[in-house]
Amino acid sequence: MVMTQNRTLFERWIILEAELVERFGKKPNMEAILFLIGMNEYQGRIPKIKFSKEQKQDLMHVAVCALLSRGGYYALEGYDDEGWPHYRQLKKVETDQNAFAAQDILLKTYILEYFGIE
């Protein structure tokens, strides 16, 4: 994507949502986007049946670790025999109540980077 001027996080997020709507036919929420990233990072065999609720949560956790590794919060250690990536935490992400909005912005920034939305 060619960047003609600096876009705000909000504008870039709208662009990403529009691209995902075009590709998948509906507007994804944050969980759906994390699930997609987790699926992309998972190196194992995709089951022919649906993922269990626990596996979906694991895929979203993989996505968060993969995204936060861009900021030096996690490092990929490798993959297990089933193709699941394993990460090591390098530094903590703020977790107090005031940090929730900052965490959302941080994740959205890394998601936009992941999808190449400038």
Protein backbone atom coordinates (compact mmCIF):
# COMPACT_ATOMS: atom_id res chain seq x y z
CA MET A 1 0.00 0.00 0.00
CA VAL A 2 1.38 3.41 -0.94
CA MET A 3 1.30 5.94 1.85
CA THR A 4 0.45 9.45 0.65
CA GLN A 5 0.37 11.03 4.10
CA ASN A 6 0.53 10.01 7.73
CA ARG A 7 -2.68 8.33 8.78
CA THR A 8 -3.99 8.06 12.31
CA LEU A 9 -4.29 4.71 14.04
CA PHE A 10 -8.07 4.97 13.68
CA GLU A 11 -7.88 5.59 9.93
CA ARG A 12 -5.45 2.71 9.43
CA TRP A 13 -7.69 0.41 11.52
CA ILE A 14 -10.69 1.28 9.31
CA ILE A 15 -8.61 0.38 6.24
CA LEU A 16 -7.71 -2.99 7.77
CA GLU A 17 -11.33 -3.72 8.68
CA ALA A 18 -12.42 -2.86 5.14
CA GLU A 19 -9.81 -5.18 3.65
CA LEU A 20 -10.89 -8.02 5.95
CA VAL A 21 -14.58 -7.41 5.16
CA GLU A 22 -13.74 -7.61 1.47
CA ARG A 23 -11.85 -10.87 1.98
CA PHE A 24 -14.13 -12.61 4.50
CA GLY A 25 -17.52 -10.96 3.97
CA LYS A 26 -18.00 -9.54 7.46
CA LYS A 27 -16.39 -7.09 9.85
CA PRO A 28 -14.09 -8.91 12.26
CA ASN A 29 -13.76 -8.09 15.93
CA MET A 30 -10.41 -8.14 17.76
CA GLU A 31 -10.77 -11.83 18.68
CA ALA A 32 -11.35 -12.80 15.05
CA ILE A 33 -8.30 -10.82 13.93
CA LEU A 34 -6.17 -12.45 16.63
CA PHE A 35 -7.51 -15.86 15.58
CA LEU A 36 -6.46 -15.18 11.97
CA ILE A 37 -2.97 -14.15 13.04
CA GLY A 38 -2.71 -17.20 15.31
CA MET A 39 -3.71 -19.45 12.42
CA ASN A 40 -1.04 -17.83 10.28
CA GLU A 41 1.62 -18.35 12.96
CA TYR A 42 0.63 -21.96 13.69
CA GLN A 43 2.92 -24.34 11.82
CA GLY A 44 0.97 -27.54 12.45
CA ARG A 45 -1.60 -29.38 10.44
CA ILE A 46 -4.91 -27.55 10.29
CA PRO A 47 -7.61 -29.99 11.41
CA LYS A 48 -10.45 -30.79 9.05
CA ILE A 49 -12.83 -30.33 11.91
CA LYS A 50 -13.29 -27.08 13.81
CA PHE A 51 -10.80 -26.05 16.45
CA SER A 52 -11.96 -26.58 20.04
CA LYS A 53 -12.66 -23.55 22.21
CA GLU A 54 -9.37 -24.16 24.03
CA GLN A 55 -7.44 -24.39 20.74
CA LYS A 56 -9.02 -21.12 19.55
CA GLN A 57 -7.90 -19.46 22.79
CA ASP A 58 -4.41 -20.94 22.27
CA LEU A 59 -4.32 -19.52 18.73
CA MET A 60 -5.27 -16.07 20.01
CA HIS A 61 -2.55 -16.33 22.67
CA VAL A 62 -0.05 -17.27 19.95
CA ALA A 63 -1.14 -14.18 18.01
CA VAL A 64 -0.66 -11.90 21.01
CA CYS A 65 2.82 -13.33 21.65
CA ALA A 66 3.75 -13.02 17.97
CA LEU A 67 2.53 -9.42 17.87
CA LEU A 68 4.23 -8.42 21.11
CA SER A 69 7.46 -10.04 19.96
CA ARG A 70 7.65 -7.14 17.48
CA GLY A 71 8.13 -4.83 20.45
CA GLY A 72 10.61 -7.04 22.29
CA TYR A 73 8.11 -8.29 24.87
CA TYR A 74 8.40 -11.94 23.75
CA ALA A 75 10.85 -14.04 21.77
CA LEU A 76 10.01 -17.11 19.71
CA GLU A 77 11.78 -20.12 21.20
CA GLY A 78 10.65 -22.64 18.60
CA TYR A 79 7.89 -25.04 17.64
CA ASP A 80 6.75 -28.22 19.35
CA ASP A 81 6.08 -31.53 17.58
CA GLU A 82 2.51 -30.48 16.79
CA GLY A 83 3.58 -27.19 15.17
CA TRP A 84 2.62 -24.89 18.04
CA PRO A 85 4.99 -21.94 18.50
CA HIS A 86 6.37 -21.31 21.98
CA TYR A 87 7.44 -17.89 23.19
CA ARG A 88 9.52 -16.69 26.12
CA GLN A 89 8.52 -13.46 27.86
CA LEU A 90 11.33 -10.90 27.84
CA LYS A 91 9.60 -7.99 29.54
CA LYS A 92 6.22 -7.29 31.08
CA VAL A 93 3.39 -5.38 29.46
CA GLU A 94 1.65 -2.89 31.76
CA THR A 95 -1.38 -4.59 33.31
CA ASP A 96 -2.91 -2.01 35.65
CA GLN A 97 -6.39 -0.64 34.96
CA ASN A 98 -5.06 2.56 33.40
CA ALA A 99 -2.94 0.60 30.98
CA PHE A 100 -5.88 -1.17 29.26
CA ALA A 101 -6.33 1.55 26.63
CA ALA A 102 -2.57 1.66 26.05
CA GLN A 103 -2.52 -2.13 25.59
CA ASP A 104 -5.32 -1.88 23.03
CA ILE A 105 -3.41 0.78 21.10
CA LEU A 106 -0.21 -1.27 21.32
CA LEU A 107 -1.91 -4.41 19.98
CA LYS A 108 -3.69 -2.50 17.21
CA THR A 109 -0.40 -0.87 16.20
CA TYR A 110 1.31 -4.26 15.93
CA ILE A 111 -1.70 -5.77 14.09
CA LEU A 112 -1.57 -2.98 11.51
CA GLU A 113 2.17 -3.55 11.15
CA TYR A 114 1.56 -7.30 10.79
CA PHE A 115 -0.88 -6.70 7.91
CA GLY A 116 1.32 -4.02 6.34
CA ILE A 117 -1.17 -1.17 6.79
CA GLU A 118 0.79 2.10 6.91
